[in-house]
């Protein structure tokens, strides 16, 4: 296992300068955004698909620094009820799959997407409860008429090119927990798995280590991000919190740098559980801590995770 970084953290800086910085702080893997929500600052999809030489330059920039590519990321919403928007994200996903095949990589990370609540909807609709019965009707439409038909053919397309699709279980989209991930996988294809990000599970009340056990065999990539729960705010208002992420004082939870939401004991157990379910890839740090600058948060997370991994390599196994 190795510490990685999602490079969109420093998307305003040149790719090779970013890679040099990563190497200098102890990073061993990089995840690169190809478009949709993460953007494509470090990866020009069309240029790479057209040019073998540019692909070699892209890969050499990574390999020459003794780094590995952990994933190509095109987190998007190809099920969006705005057909133009959905088409853009679908096209980016398909091009990302083609690029993955071209450069010999087999994992693409994304979201499952979220449709609207009916065929004429204009905005996505995330259902959080089963009553009144209108919500169950919405869910039936979203799964049976939108998600399953789309992902059946799209998973087949990815499989034809030797690519596994890693869904980030993210509230706001149809796949947000192990149950919904496994439902889509069962319906649409065994090459659908997860980009496991514990930060989105913490605030839902899900134990990430139990979730990993449930998902054994389909953990294709991992994001390292933490969440801090505010017990007082949660006691008053619960965990469904729509306040802006910058309102840290009043939110029930906020995203934090690894180690600032959950302690070393948790992260030791998390890495151990990853090993037990067969994952030995990158822990790709995704920085969304509004209380730290990107470099501060990243450097603290890298140092923290490298210590955890070194501890594990010495033979200490922390049971979850």
Foldseek 3Di string as FASTA:
>chain_A
DFAEAAQLLPLVDAPLVSLVVCLVLGHAEYEAEQEAPSHHSHHPLVVVLVDPVVLVVSVCSQVVSNHYYQEYELAHALQELPNVRNVVSLVSVLSRLVSCLVNVHAEYEYALHFYPQDNPDHGGDFDDDPPPVSSVSSVCCCVVVTRLVVLQVVVVSSVVSNHAYAHAQAGVGQRNALVSQVVSCVRRHVSYAHAYECASVVLVVHQSLVRLVSRQPRHRHYEYKHKAADVVLCVVPNRPDDDDLVPVVNHRMHIAQHCPRDHLLSVLQVVLSCVVSPDDGYHHYDDDHPVDRSVVSVSVNNVSVVVSVVVVVVPDHRHD
